[in-house]
Amino acid sequence: MHIDQIISQFTSSPPGLFPKDALQAAFAKEQEITPVLVDILSKAGADIEGLAKRQDDNGFLYAMFLLAQFREQQGLAPLIAFFSNPGQSAITLTGDVVTENLGQLLAGTSGNDIRPIQAMIENSTIDPFVRGAGLEALLCLVAWGETSPRGVITYFAELLESKLERQPCHAWNYLSEAICRLCGPEFIEPLKKAYDQGLISPLYMKVDEAEKMLNRPTRENRADLEDDTGLRAITNVVAEMEGWACFRPQEERIHHQGIKQTTSTPKKTGRNEPCPCGSGKKYKKCCLGI
């Protein structure tokens, strides 16, 4: 399959049709197709409102995932630019990607240079869920053994102390989780201070839960990160994407959507438990964040 044929399937596939053959063909043409994918993602971020009007154009999505699989550092700047667009357009266009995959995408295209990701995390004009994904990207790189845990721990301390704006938002919520998964008991008191200031929602993580996690042995934290499938590198875009709800038969998608809209969420649901809406995702990454 030629490059133009691959891109045609990416940008004009009918709703519900997964371009598996085109994606597999892209794998075999990594060097040739990479600059084309970077260009697609760059143009998508530069004209996101125009992209929203092209309903069958999902080229930007496939570009994000392929560039992460290729570990292409040229993909990081347009990826961040896309999700830095004001308003909700980027999140609307990508759906669950922000909470499910963006951390992996950022890490996969970082080339182990975390500075652009750090700048995104600290930018209060960017959607807090996107910034939370930036924090998750740092956990990914630690889990992959590609970034120093000590450097990330030091950075988390800087965010806690001064680099994150003193207003409650999801970036603070995810920072609390990231700290608990990577850091040690020396963070208990600074984190409690953030709770006392109302910066972290106890609905996302209770302070006693945070303290318990911070008191875990370091080796247990590291094993938890390495075993977390949500932090693993994207190595096969087909396997990653073909199970998405948007590629299911229409009647199945409608049924799933109806469940999510009508199911009441019991208060007893834990943040790390499956969401009762039936999405298959953790509660903290689904209805708890709505």
C-alpha atoms as a PDB file:
ATOM      1  CA  MET A   1       0.000   0.000   0.000  1.00  0.00           C
ATOM      2  CA  HIS A   2       1.415   3.394  -1.023  1.00  0.00           C
ATOM      3  CA  ILE A   3       1.735   6.315   1.415  1.00  0.00           C
ATOM      4  CA  ASP A   4      -1.064   8.288  -0.239  1.00  0.00           C
ATOM      5  CA  GLN A   5      -3.378   5.266   0.032  1.00  0.00           C
ATOM      6  CA  ILE A   6      -2.561   4.860   3.716  1.00  0.00           C
ATOM      7  CA  ILE A   7      -3.216   8.531   4.437  1.00  0.00           C
ATOM      8  CA  SER A   8      -6.442   8.430   2.433  1.00  0.00           C
ATOM      9  CA  GLN A   9      -7.761   5.660   4.696  1.00  0.00           C
ATOM     10  CA  PHE A  10      -6.672   7.563   7.787  1.00  0.00           C
ATOM     11  CA  THR A  11      -8.402  10.793   6.758  1.00  0.00           C
ATOM     12  CA  SER A  12     -11.586   9.578   5.048  1.00  0.00           C
ATOM     13  CA  SER A  13     -12.661   6.319   6.715  1.00  0.00           C
ATOM     14  CA  PRO A  14     -16.431   5.956   7.246  1.00  0.00           C
ATOM     15  CA  PRO A  15     -17.592   6.023  10.884  1.00  0.00           C
ATOM     16  CA  GLY A  16     -16.987   2.732  12.682  1.00  0.00           C
ATOM     17  CA  LEU A  17     -14.451   1.447  10.157  1.00  0.00           C
ATOM     18  CA  PHE A  18     -11.023   0.659  11.627  1.00  0.00           C
ATOM     19  CA  PRO A  19      -8.217   1.024   9.028  1.00  0.00           C
ATOM     20  CA  LYS A  20      -6.262  -2.004  10.212  1.00  0.00           C
ATOM     21  CA  ASP A  21      -4.608  -2.722   6.864  1.00  0.00           C
ATOM     22  CA  ALA A  22      -3.497   0.886   6.492  1.00  0.00           C
ATOM     23  CA  LEU A  23      -2.007   0.932   9.977  1.00  0.00           C
ATOM     24  CA  GLN A  24      -0.123  -2.298   9.366  1.00  0.00           C
ATOM     25  CA  ALA A  25       1.151  -0.882   6.079  1.00  0.00           C
ATOM     26  CA  ALA A  26       2.338   2.214   7.965  1.00  0.00           C
ATOM     27  CA  PHE A  27       4.406   0.018  10.289  1.00  0.00           C
ATOM     28  CA  ALA A  28       6.395  -1.203   7.296  1.00  0.00           C
ATOM     29  CA  LYS A  29       7.011   2.328   6.021  1.00  0.00           C
ATOM     30  CA  GLU A  30       8.068   3.988   9.269  1.00  0.00           C
ATOM     31  CA  GLN A  31      10.885   6.119   7.880  1.00  0.00           C
ATOM     32  CA  GLU A  32       8.929   7.220   4.823  1.00  0.00           C
ATOM     33  CA  ILE A  33       5.655   8.002   6.562  1.00  0.00           C
ATOM     34  CA  THR A  34       6.989   9.673   9.738  1.00  0.00           C
ATOM     35  CA  PRO A  35       7.360  13.218   8.291  1.00  0.00           C
ATOM     36  CA  VAL A  36       3.884  12.910   6.774  1.00  0.00           C
ATOM     37  CA  LEU A  37       2.432  11.982  10.163  1.00  0.00           C
ATOM     38  CA  VAL A  38       4.215  14.882  11.860  1.00  0.00           C
ATOM     39  CA  ASP A  39       2.769  17.230   9.226  1.00  0.00           C
ATOM     40  CA  ILE A  40      -0.762  15.844   9.712  1.00  0.00           C
ATOM     41  CA  LEU A  41      -0.588  16.337  13.478  1.00  0.00           C
ATOM     42  CA  SER A  42       0.933  19.813  13.158  1.00  0.00           C
ATOM     43  CA  LYS A  43      -1.789  20.973  10.759  1.00  0.00           C
ATOM     44  CA  ALA A  44      -4.516  19.445  12.936  1.00  0.00           C
ATOM     45  CA  GLY A  45      -3.378  21.438  15.968  1.00  0.00           C
ATOM     46  CA  ALA A  46      -3.019  24.625  13.959  1.00  0.00           C
ATOM     47  CA  ASP A  47      -6.600  24.441  12.654  1.00  0.00           C
ATOM     48  CA  ILE A  48      -8.495  22.445  15.235  1.00  0.00           C
ATOM     49  CA  GLU A  49     -11.819  24.115  14.501  1.00  0.00           C
ATOM     50  CA  GLY A  50     -11.516  23.217  10.829  1.00  0.00           C
ATOM     51  CA  LEU A  51     -10.606  19.671  11.805  1.00  0.00           C
ATOM     52  CA  ALA A  52     -13.776  19.413  13.888  1.00  0.00           C
ATOM     53  CA  LYS A  53     -15.840  19.996  10.738  1.00  0.00           C
ATOM     54  CA  ARG A  54     -14.207  17.059   8.914  1.00  0.00           C
ATOM     55  CA  GLN A  55     -16.054  14.271  10.673  1.00  0.00           C
ATOM     56  CA  ASP A  56     -14.397  11.356   8.847  1.00  0.00           C
ATOM     57  CA  ASP A  57     -10.842  12.685   9.257  1.00  0.00           C
ATOM     58  CA  ASN A  58      -9.118  10.736  12.024  1.00  0.00           C
ATOM     59  CA  GLY A  59      -5.638  11.054  10.578  1.00  0.00           C
ATOM     60  CA  PHE A  60      -4.465  13.119  13.541  1.00  0.00           C
ATOM     61  CA  LEU A  61      -5.379  10.292  15.941  1.00  0.00           C
ATOM     62  CA  TYR A  62      -3.518   7.637  14.003  1.00  0.00           C
ATOM     63  CA  ALA A  63      -0.591  10.037  13.658  1.00  0.00           C
ATOM     64  CA  MET A  64      -0.392  10.491  17.448  1.00  0.00           C
ATOM     65  CA  PHE A  65      -0.321   6.775  18.135  1.00  0.00           C
ATOM     66  CA  LEU A  66       2.015   5.842  15.300  1.00  0.00           C
ATOM     67  CA  LEU A  67       4.527   8.535  16.250  1.00  0.00           C
ATOM     68  CA  ALA A  68       4.484   7.243  19.835  1.00  0.00           C
ATOM     69  CA  GLN A  69       5.023   3.676  18.626  1.00  0.00           C
ATOM     70  CA  PHE A  70       7.892   4.863  16.429  1.00  0.00           C
ATOM     71  CA  ARG A  71       9.307   6.750  19.470  1.00  0.00           C
ATOM     72  CA  GLU A  72       9.559   9.795  17.214  1.00  0.00           C
ATOM     73  CA  GLN A  73      10.663  12.909  19.091  1.00  0.00           C
ATOM     74  CA  GLN A  74       9.443  15.184  16.290  1.00  0.00           C
ATOM     75  CA  GLY A  75       5.938  14.233  17.349  1.00  0.00           C
ATOM     76  CA  LEU A  76       6.150  15.777  20.812  1.00  0.00           C
ATOM     77  CA  ALA A  77       5.869  19.477  19.903  1.00  0.00           C
ATOM     78  CA  PRO A  78       2.789  19.087  17.646  1.00  0.00           C
ATOM     79  CA  LEU A  79       1.223  16.703  20.178  1.00  0.00           C
ATOM     80  CA  ILE A  80       1.569  19.264  22.959  1.00  0.00           C
ATOM     81  CA  ALA A  81       0.424  22.058  20.632  1.00  0.00           C
ATOM     82  CA  PHE A  82      -2.698  20.075  19.711  1.00  0.00           C
ATOM     83  CA  PHE A  83      -3.729  19.568  23.336  1.00  0.00           C
ATOM     84  CA  SER A  84      -2.767  23.126  24.290  1.00  0.00           C
ATOM     85  CA  ASN A  85      -5.538  24.575  22.142  1.00  0.00           C
ATOM     86  CA  PRO A  86      -7.939  26.698  24.218  1.00  0.00           C
ATOM     87  CA  GLY A  87     -11.377  25.363  24.957  1.00  0.00           C
ATOM     88  CA  GLN A  88     -12.534  21.764  24.785  1.00  0.00           C
ATOM     89  CA  SER A  89     -12.027  21.038  21.078  1.00  0.00           C
ATOM     90  CA  ALA A  90      -8.975  18.814  21.535  1.00  0.00           C
ATOM     91  CA  ILE A  91     -10.660  16.752  24.236  1.00  0.00           C
ATOM     92  CA  THR A  92     -13.916  16.526  22.289  1.00  0.00           C
ATOM     93  CA  LEU A  93     -12.085  15.298  19.201  1.00  0.00           C
ATOM     94  CA  THR A  94     -10.010  12.712  21.045  1.00  0.00           C
ATOM     95  CA  GLY A  95     -12.512  11.444  23.612  1.00  0.00           C
ATOM     96  CA  ASP A  96     -10.956   9.070  26.143  1.00  0.00           C
ATOM     97  CA  VAL A  97      -7.430   9.535  24.772  1.00  0.00           C
ATOM     98  CA  VAL A  98      -6.644  12.274  27.289  1.00  0.00           C
ATOM     99  CA  THR A  99      -7.351  10.107  30.324  1.00  0.00           C
ATOM    100  CA  GLU A 100      -6.407   6.733  28.855  1.00  0.00           C
ATOM    101  CA  ASN A 101      -3.424   7.209  26.537  1.00  0.00           C
ATOM    102  CA  LEU A 102      -2.037  10.737  26.478  1.00  0.00           C
ATOM    103  CA  GLY A 103       0.585  10.015  29.119  1.00  0.00           C
ATOM    104  CA  GLN A 104       1.909   7.144  27.000  1.00  0.00           C
ATOM    105  CA  LEU A 105       1.822   9.289  23.850  1.00  0.00           C
ATOM    106  CA  LEU A 106       3.771  12.110  25.479  1.00  0.00           C
ATOM    107  CA  ALA A 107       6.334   9.734  26.931  1.00  0.00           C
ATOM    108  CA  GLY A 108       6.673   7.846  23.647  1.00  0.00           C
ATOM    109  CA  THR A 109       7.459  11.001  21.677  1.00  0.00           C
ATOM    110  CA  SER A 110       9.595  12.702  24.326  1.00  0.00           C
ATOM    111  CA  GLY A 111      12.963  11.309  23.307  1.00  0.00           C
ATOM    112  CA  ASN A 112      13.552  11.328  27.093  1.00  0.00           C
ATOM    113  CA  ASP A 113      13.610  15.140  27.088  1.00  0.00           C
ATOM    114  CA  ILE A 114      11.030  15.949  29.738  1.00  0.00           C
ATOM    115  CA  ARG A 115      11.401  19.732  29.618  1.00  0.00           C
ATOM    116  CA  PRO A 116       8.565  20.355  27.107  1.00  0.00           C
ATOM    117  CA  ILE A 117       6.303  18.111  29.187  1.00  0.00           C
ATOM    118  CA  GLN A 118       7.244  20.005  32.339  1.00  0.00           C
ATOM    119  CA  ALA A 119       6.414  23.318  30.655  1.00  0.00           C
ATOM    120  CA  MET A 120       3.012  21.916  29.712  1.00  0.00           C
ATOM    121  CA  ILE A 121       2.347  20.701  33.267  1.00  0.00           C
ATOM    122  CA  GLU A 122       3.130  24.146  34.671  1.00  0.00           C
ATOM    123  CA  ASN A 123       0.970  26.021  32.139  1.00  0.00           C
ATOM    124  CA  SER A 124      -2.251  26.923  33.957  1.00  0.00           C
ATOM    125  CA  THR A 125      -4.009  27.839  30.695  1.00  0.00           C
ATOM    126  CA  ILE A 126      -3.943  24.210  29.515  1.00  0.00           C
ATOM    127  CA  ASP A 127      -6.743  21.815  30.443  1.00  0.00           C
ATOM    128  CA  PRO A 128      -5.947  20.221  33.837  1.00  0.00           C
ATOM    129  CA  PHE A 129      -6.613  16.708  32.551  1.00  0.00           C
ATOM    130  CA  VAL A 130      -4.006  17.266  29.832  1.00  0.00           C
ATOM    131  CA  ARG A 131      -1.554  18.486  32.474  1.00  0.00           C
ATOM    132  CA  GLY A 132      -2.369  15.401  34.544  1.00  0.00           C
ATOM    133  CA  ALA A 133      -1.438  13.295  31.524  1.00  0.00           C
ATOM    134  CA  GLY A 134       1.904  15.105  31.498  1.00  0.00           C
ATOM    135  CA  LEU A 135       2.497  13.936  35.057  1.00  0.00           C
ATOM    136  CA  GLU A 136       1.536  10.425  34.018  1.00  0.00           C
ATOM    137  CA  ALA A 137       4.065  10.639  31.157  1.00  0.00           C
ATOM    138  CA  LEU A 138       6.814  11.156  33.737  1.00  0.00           C
ATOM    139  CA  LEU A 139       5.668   8.023  35.566  1.00  0.00           C
ATOM    140  CA  CYS A 140       5.756   6.160  32.236  1.00  0.00           C
ATOM    141  CA  LEU A 141       9.349   7.152  31.625  1.00  0.00           C
ATOM    142  CA  VAL A 142      10.331   6.071  35.136  1.00  0.00           C
ATOM    143  CA  ALA A 143       8.519   2.746  34.648  1.00  0.00           C
ATOM    144  CA  TRP A 144      10.379   2.239  31.349  1.00  0.00           C
ATOM    145  CA  GLY A 145      13.711   2.925  33.034  1.00  0.00           C
ATOM    146  CA  GLU A 146      14.344   5.872  30.724  1.00  0.00           C
ATOM    147  CA  THR A 147      14.211   8.733  33.232  1.00  0.00           C
ATOM    148  CA  SER A 148      15.816   9.016  36.654  1.00  0.00           C
ATOM    149  CA  PRO A 149      13.284   8.450  39.448  1.00  0.00           C
ATOM    150  CA  ARG A 150      15.248  10.860  41.633  1.00  0.00           C
ATOM    151  CA  GLY A 151      14.960  13.637  39.047  1.00  0.00           C
ATOM    152  CA  VAL A 152      11.204  13.174  38.769  1.00  0.00           C
ATOM    153  CA  ILE A 153      10.816  13.025  42.554  1.00  0.00           C
ATOM    154  CA  THR A 154      12.719  16.305  42.852  1.00  0.00           C
ATOM    155  CA  TYR A 155      10.456  17.838  40.207  1.00  0.00           C
ATOM    156  CA  PHE A 156       7.317  16.674  42.027  1.00  0.00           C
ATOM    157  CA  ALA A 157       8.621  18.383  45.160  1.00  0.00           C
ATOM    158  CA  GLU A 158       9.086  21.611  43.189  1.00  0.00           C
ATOM    159  CA  LEU A 159       5.520  21.407  41.864  1.00  0.00           C
ATOM    160  CA  LEU A 160       4.202  20.809  45.354  1.00  0.00           C
ATOM    161  CA  GLU A 161       6.173  23.690  46.770  1.00  0.00           C
ATOM    162  CA  SER A 162       5.773  26.415  44.158  1.00  0.00           C
ATOM    163  CA  LYS A 163       5.606  25.449  40.471  1.00  0.00           C
ATOM    164  CA  LEU A 164       1.918  24.506  40.390  1.00  0.00           C
ATOM    165  CA  GLU A 165      -0.581  27.330  40.796  1.00  0.00           C
ATOM    166  CA  ARG A 166      -2.291  27.408  44.172  1.00  0.00           C
ATOM    167  CA  GLN A 167      -5.764  26.670  42.825  1.00  0.00           C
ATOM    168  CA  PRO A 168      -7.528  23.293  43.111  1.00  0.00           C
ATOM    169  CA  CYS A 169      -7.774  21.381  39.829  1.00  0.00           C
ATOM    170  CA  HIS A 170      -7.231  17.912  38.406  1.00  0.00           C
ATOM    171  CA  ALA A 171      -3.522  18.634  37.955  1.00  0.00           C
ATOM    172  CA  TRP A 172      -3.287  18.758  41.756  1.00  0.00           C
ATOM    173  CA  ASN A 173      -5.340  15.574  42.078  1.00  0.00           C
ATOM    174  CA  TYR A 174      -3.099  13.660  39.723  1.00  0.00           C
ATOM    175  CA  LEU A 175       0.033  15.126  41.293  1.00  0.00           C
ATOM    176  CA  SER A 176      -1.082  13.633  44.600  1.00  0.00           C
ATOM    177  CA  GLU A 177      -1.420  10.220  42.959  1.00  0.00           C
ATOM    178  CA  ALA A 178       1.889  10.502  41.105  1.00  0.00           C
ATOM    179  CA  ILE A 179       3.693  11.463  44.318  1.00  0.00           C
ATOM    180  CA  CYS A 180       2.142   8.544  46.184  1.00  0.00           C
ATOM    181  CA  ARG A 181       3.163   6.095  43.471  1.00  0.00           C
ATOM    182  CA  LEU A 182       6.770   7.226  43.244  1.00  0.00           C
ATOM    183  CA  CYS A 183       7.846   9.053  46.380  1.00  0.00           C
ATOM    184  CA  GLY A 184       8.405   8.218  50.030  1.00  0.00           C
ATOM    185  CA  PRO A 185       7.292   9.238  53.540  1.00  0.00           C
ATOM    186  CA  GLU A 186       9.158  12.560  53.370  1.00  0.00           C
ATOM    187  CA  PHE A 187       6.255  13.768  51.209  1.00  0.00           C
ATOM    188  CA  ILE A 188       3.541  13.029  53.791  1.00  0.00           C
ATOM    189  CA  GLU A 189       3.587  16.387  55.557  1.00  0.00           C
ATOM    190  CA  PRO A 190       3.901  18.564  52.398  1.00  0.00           C
ATOM    191  CA  LEU A 191       1.040  16.609  50.823  1.00  0.00           C
ATOM    192  CA  LYS A 192      -1.114  16.983  53.939  1.00  0.00           C
ATOM    193  CA  LYS A 193      -0.500  20.718  53.728  1.00  0.00           C
ATOM    194  CA  ALA A 194      -1.848  20.740  50.164  1.00  0.00           C
ATOM    195  CA  TYR A 195      -4.933  18.855  51.375  1.00  0.00           C
ATOM    196  CA  ASP A 196      -5.409  21.373  54.195  1.00  0.00           C
ATOM    197  CA  GLN A 197      -5.241  24.196  51.642  1.00  0.00           C
ATOM    198  CA  GLY A 198      -8.030  22.563  49.626  1.00  0.00           C
ATOM    199  CA  LEU A 199      -5.821  21.986  46.590  1.00  0.00           C
ATOM    200  CA  ILE A 200      -6.453  18.217  46.392  1.00  0.00           C
ATOM    201  CA  SER A 201      -9.926  16.714  46.394  1.00  0.00           C
ATOM    202  CA  PRO A 202     -10.429  13.973  49.015  1.00  0.00           C
ATOM    203  CA  LEU A 203     -12.947  12.461  46.587  1.00  0.00           C
ATOM    204  CA  TYR A 204     -10.034  11.696  44.285  1.00  0.00           C
ATOM    205  CA  MET A 205      -7.736  10.349  46.995  1.00  0.00           C
ATOM    206  CA  LYS A 206      -8.258  10.410  50.745  1.00  0.00           C
ATOM    207  CA  VAL A 207      -5.368  11.730  52.810  1.00  0.00           C
ATOM    208  CA  ASP A 208      -5.068   8.506  54.820  1.00  0.00           C
ATOM    209  CA  GLU A 209      -4.868   6.531  51.575  1.00  0.00           C
ATOM    210  CA  ALA A 210      -2.105   8.853  50.384  1.00  0.00           C
ATOM    211  CA  GLU A 211      -0.189   8.407  53.647  1.00  0.00           C
ATOM    212  CA  LYS A 212      -0.484   4.632  53.394  1.00  0.00           C
ATOM    213  CA  MET A 213       0.917   4.624  49.855  1.00  0.00           C
ATOM    214  CA  LEU A 214       3.794   6.923  50.786  1.00  0.00           C
ATOM    215  CA  ASN A 215       4.810   4.562  53.564  1.00  0.00           C
ATOM    216  CA  ARG A 216       5.155   1.615  51.176  1.00  0.00           C
ATOM    217  CA  PRO A 217       8.657   0.231  50.471  1.00  0.00           C
ATOM    218  CA  THR A 218      10.313   1.792  47.426  1.00  0.00           C
ATOM    219  CA  ARG A 219      10.612  -1.586  45.722  1.00  0.00           C
ATOM    220  CA  GLU A 220       6.847  -2.061  46.022  1.00  0.00           C
ATOM    221  CA  ASN A 221       6.194   1.314  44.385  1.00  0.00           C
ATOM    222  CA  ARG A 222       8.589   0.540  41.525  1.00  0.00           C
ATOM    223  CA  ALA A 223       7.024  -2.884  40.925  1.00  0.00           C
ATOM    224  CA  ASP A 224       3.578  -1.279  40.883  1.00  0.00           C
ATOM    225  CA  LEU A 225       4.669   1.196  38.200  1.00  0.00           C
ATOM    226  CA  GLU A 226       6.333  -1.447  36.056  1.00  0.00           C
ATOM    227  CA  ASP A 227       3.306  -3.763  36.243  1.00  0.00           C
ATOM    228  CA  ASP A 228       0.746  -1.058  35.397  1.00  0.00           C
ATOM    229  CA  THR A 229      -0.510  -1.746  31.874  1.00  0.00           C
ATOM    230  CA  GLY A 230      -1.722   1.855  31.637  1.00  0.00           C
ATOM    231  CA  LEU A 231       1.885   3.039  31.840  1.00  0.00           C
ATOM    232  CA  ARG A 232       3.343   0.676  29.256  1.00  0.00           C
ATOM    233  CA  ALA A 233       4.839   1.884  26.007  1.00  0.00           C
ATOM    234  CA  ILE A 234       2.670   1.760  22.897  1.00  0.00           C
ATOM    235  CA  THR A 235       4.221  -0.935  20.720  1.00  0.00           C
ATOM    236  CA  ASN A 236       1.314  -1.939  18.477  1.00  0.00           C
ATOM    237  CA  VAL A 237      -1.209   0.693  17.429  1.00  0.00           C
ATOM    238  CA  VAL A 238      -3.589  -1.894  15.991  1.00  0.00           C
ATOM    239  CA  ALA A 239      -3.773  -3.786  19.280  1.00  0.00           C
ATOM    240  CA  GLU A 240      -4.099  -0.490  21.156  1.00  0.00           C
ATOM    241  CA  MET A 241      -6.935   0.999  19.095  1.00  0.00           C
ATOM    242  CA  GLU A 242      -9.029  -1.701  17.440  1.00  0.00           C
ATOM    243  CA  GLY A 243     -11.040  -2.383  20.594  1.00  0.00           C
ATOM    244  CA  TRP A 244     -12.208   1.241  20.937  1.00  0.00           C
ATOM    245  CA  ALA A 245     -15.947   1.747  21.331  1.00  0.00           C
ATOM    246  CA  CYS A 246     -16.079   3.930  18.198  1.00  0.00           C
ATOM    247  CA  PHE A 247     -15.078   0.894  16.120  1.00  0.00           C
ATOM    248  CA  ARG A 248     -17.795  -1.322  17.568  1.00  0.00           C
ATOM    249  CA  PRO A 249     -21.085  -1.973  15.712  1.00  0.00           C
ATOM    250  CA  GLN A 250     -23.408   1.018  15.993  1.00  0.00           C
ATOM    251  CA  GLU A 251     -26.024  -0.753  18.124  1.00  0.00           C
ATOM    252  CA  GLU A 252     -23.329  -1.768  20.624  1.00  0.00           C
ATOM    253  CA  ARG A 253     -22.038   1.808  20.827  1.00  0.00           C
ATOM    254  CA  ILE A 254     -25.543   3.156  21.468  1.00  0.00           C
ATOM    255  CA  HIS A 255     -26.114   0.574  24.208  1.00  0.00           C
ATOM    256  CA  HIS A 256     -22.842   1.448  25.934  1.00  0.00           C
ATOM    257  CA  GLN A 257     -23.577   5.171  25.724  1.00  0.00           C
ATOM    258  CA  GLY A 258     -27.028   4.628  27.249  1.00  0.00           C
ATOM    259  CA  ILE A 259     -25.518   2.749  30.177  1.00  0.00           C
ATOM    260  CA  LYS A 260     -23.040   5.545  30.873  1.00  0.00           C
ATOM    261  CA  GLN A 261     -25.702   8.242  30.735  1.00  0.00           C
ATOM    262  CA  THR A 262     -28.295   6.505  32.910  1.00  0.00           C
ATOM    263  CA  THR A 263     -26.295   4.606  35.520  1.00  0.00           C
ATOM    264  CA  SER A 264     -26.138   6.337  38.883  1.00  0.00           C
ATOM    265  CA  THR A 265     -22.726   6.299  40.539  1.00  0.00           C
ATOM    266  CA  PRO A 266     -22.747   4.862  44.056  1.00  0.00           C
ATOM    267  CA  LYS A 267     -20.599   6.777  46.515  1.00  0.00           C
ATOM    268  CA  LYS A 268     -18.915   3.578  47.684  1.00  0.00           C
ATOM    269  CA  THR A 269     -17.126   3.096  44.361  1.00  0.00           C
ATOM    270  CA  GLY A 270     -13.374   3.331  44.906  1.00  0.00           C
ATOM    271  CA  ARG A 271     -11.297   5.557  42.648  1.00  0.00           C
ATOM    272  CA  ASN A 272      -9.249   2.571  41.427  1.00  0.00           C
ATOM    273  CA  GLU A 273     -12.240   0.275  40.967  1.00  0.00           C
ATOM    274  CA  PRO A 274     -13.984  -0.286  37.611  1.00  0.00           C
ATOM    275  CA  CYS A 275     -16.408   2.526  36.830  1.00  0.00           C
ATOM    276  CA  PRO A 276     -20.038   1.424  37.364  1.00  0.00           C
ATOM    277  CA  CYS A 277     -21.022   2.986  34.015  1.00  0.00           C
ATOM    278  CA  GLY A 278     -19.634  -0.100  32.280  1.00  0.00           C
ATOM    279  CA  SER A 279     -16.824   1.592  30.363  1.00  0.00           C
ATOM    280  CA  GLY A 280     -14.191  -0.831  31.654  1.00  0.00           C
ATOM    281  CA  LYS A 281     -12.017   2.064  32.861  1.00  0.00           C
ATOM    282  CA  LYS A 282     -11.090   2.945  36.413  1.00  0.00           C
ATOM    283  CA  TYR A 283     -13.608   5.210  38.152  1.00  0.00           C
ATOM    284  CA  LYS A 284     -10.979   7.956  38.610  1.00  0.00           C
ATOM    285  CA  LYS A 285     -10.482   8.133  34.847  1.00  0.00           C
ATOM    286  CA  CYS A 286     -14.152   7.991  33.916  1.00  0.00           C
ATOM    287  CA  CYS A 287     -17.213   9.294  35.752  1.00  0.00           C
ATOM    288  CA  LEU A 288     -15.228  10.635  38.738  1.00  0.00           C
ATOM    289  CA  GLY A 289     -13.595  13.088  36.332  1.00  0.00           C
ATOM    290  CA  ILE A 290     -16.827  14.185  34.638  1.00  0.00           C
END
